Amino acid sequence: MPKMKTHRSAAKRYSVTANGKIKRLRAGKGHLLAHKSTARKNRLTGLVDVFKGNIDLILKELPYIKYSR
């Protein structure tokens, strides 16, 4: 059998914590920042957990990820 390939853009977007949770960055912090308030930009900073409805899709893209439910 051939090896499964990792979806490289997904590998760059998601990270796994030590407890096995999948984290992602928030959207909206890449550009057009001049008109956004400082409080809004601060809220968009940091990592958040991935929505549980999307985890199965992410696990298909990242077949070798160590994820615990």
Protein backbone atom coordinates (compact mmCIF):
# COMPACT_ATOMS: atom_id res chain seq x y z
CA MET A 1 0.00 0.00 0.00
CA PRO A 2 1.25 3.52 -0.70
CA LYS A 3 1.72 5.94 2.14
CA MET A 4 -0.99 8.48 2.92
CA LYS A 5 0.00 12.06 2.28
CA THR A 6 -0.49 14.93 4.71
CA HIS A 7 -2.37 17.96 3.38
CA ARG A 8 0.42 20.50 3.76
CA SER A 9 -1.74 23.61 4.14
CA ALA A 10 -3.70 21.90 6.93
CA ALA A 11 -0.45 20.93 8.65
CA LYS A 12 0.54 24.60 8.74
CA ARG A 13 -2.85 25.82 10.00
CA TYR A 14 -3.50 23.42 12.88
CA SER A 15 -1.44 22.39 15.89
CA VAL A 16 -1.95 19.74 18.53
CA THR A 17 -1.55 20.45 22.23
CA ALA A 18 0.09 18.12 24.73
CA ASN A 19 -3.37 16.93 25.80
CA GLY A 20 -4.24 16.01 22.22
CA LYS A 21 -6.57 18.90 21.35
CA ILE A 22 -6.43 20.58 17.95
CA LYS A 23 -5.91 24.35 18.00
CA ARG A 24 -6.24 26.98 15.27
CA LEU A 25 -5.69 30.70 14.80
CA ARG A 26 -8.63 33.09 14.59
CA ALA A 27 -9.52 34.63 11.24
CA GLY A 28 -9.49 38.36 10.57
CA LYS A 29 -5.99 39.32 11.71
CA GLY A 30 -4.18 39.16 8.38
CA HIS A 31 -4.88 42.48 6.70
CA LEU A 32 -7.20 45.52 6.72
CA LEU A 33 -6.24 46.22 10.33
CA ALA A 34 -6.34 50.02 10.24
CA HIS A 35 -10.09 50.36 10.75
CA LYS A 36 -10.37 47.58 13.36
CA SER A 37 -10.28 48.64 16.99
CA THR A 38 -7.43 47.64 19.26
CA ALA A 39 -9.80 45.64 21.45
CA ARG A 40 -11.07 43.72 18.42
CA LYS A 41 -7.52 42.95 17.26
CA ASN A 42 -6.61 41.76 20.74
CA ARG A 43 -9.62 39.42 20.77
CA LEU A 44 -8.44 37.89 17.51
CA THR A 45 -5.02 37.07 18.98
CA GLY A 46 -4.15 33.61 20.20
CA LEU A 47 -5.23 30.03 19.60
CA VAL A 48 -8.68 28.52 20.06
CA ASP A 49 -10.00 24.96 19.95
CA VAL A 50 -11.30 23.63 16.66
CA PHE A 51 -15.08 23.16 16.47
CA LYS A 52 -15.91 19.52 17.14
CA GLY A 53 -17.97 19.26 13.95
CA ASN A 54 -14.85 19.96 11.86
CA ILE A 55 -12.50 17.53 13.60
CA ASP A 56 -13.30 14.58 11.34
CA LEU A 57 -12.47 16.68 8.26
CA ILE A 58 -9.17 17.77 9.80
CA LEU A 59 -8.24 14.21 10.73
CA LYS A 60 -8.70 13.17 7.08
CA GLU A 61 -6.27 15.87 6.00
CA LEU A 62 -3.77 15.00 8.75
CA PRO A 63 -3.68 11.19 8.85
CA TYR A 64 -0.67 10.93 11.20
CA ILE A 65 -1.81 13.42 13.82
CA LYS A 66 -1.90 12.23 17.43
CA TYR A 67 -5.41 13.28 18.45
CA SER A 68 -7.30 12.02 21.49
CA ARG A 69 -11.06 12.45 21.72
